Amino acid sequence: MTVCLMFQKPPHRRPDLTDPTRSSKRPRTFDLPAWVLAAPKQVESTAADKVVPLAADDLLTLAEAAAQLRISPRTLRRMVKAGDVTTIRIGRQLRFGRDTLWREINNLGSSRE
């Protein structure tokens, strides 16, 4: 059995830590573009930018939402697929915001007239 030495990896070289030009105390800023080094601009936030966190009680599972609406979970899935109801996906599971769900269901009847 012969071993081909031509395809062996070269030994791993550790960086020379004794190099005086290399300093870990000071970041290397000369390689970075000017826009990276510039101070961040202050931006005024609008009402649309503010996100209201949802509590765990405000989110309904598919079965809970269907039970509250008194419809089949399959029907609710069809409504989601048609884009009539907004959902939040957590992994593969669907979650419905309680207030958003009722608001969309109430507006659903008025938009079809």
Foldseek 3Di string as FASTA:
>chain_A
DDDDPPPDDDDDDDDDPVDPVDDPVDDDPPVDDPVVVDDDDDDDDDPVNDDDDDDPVQKDFLVRLCVVVVHDSVVVVVCVVVVLADWDDDDNTTIHGNVRRVVSVVVVVVVVD
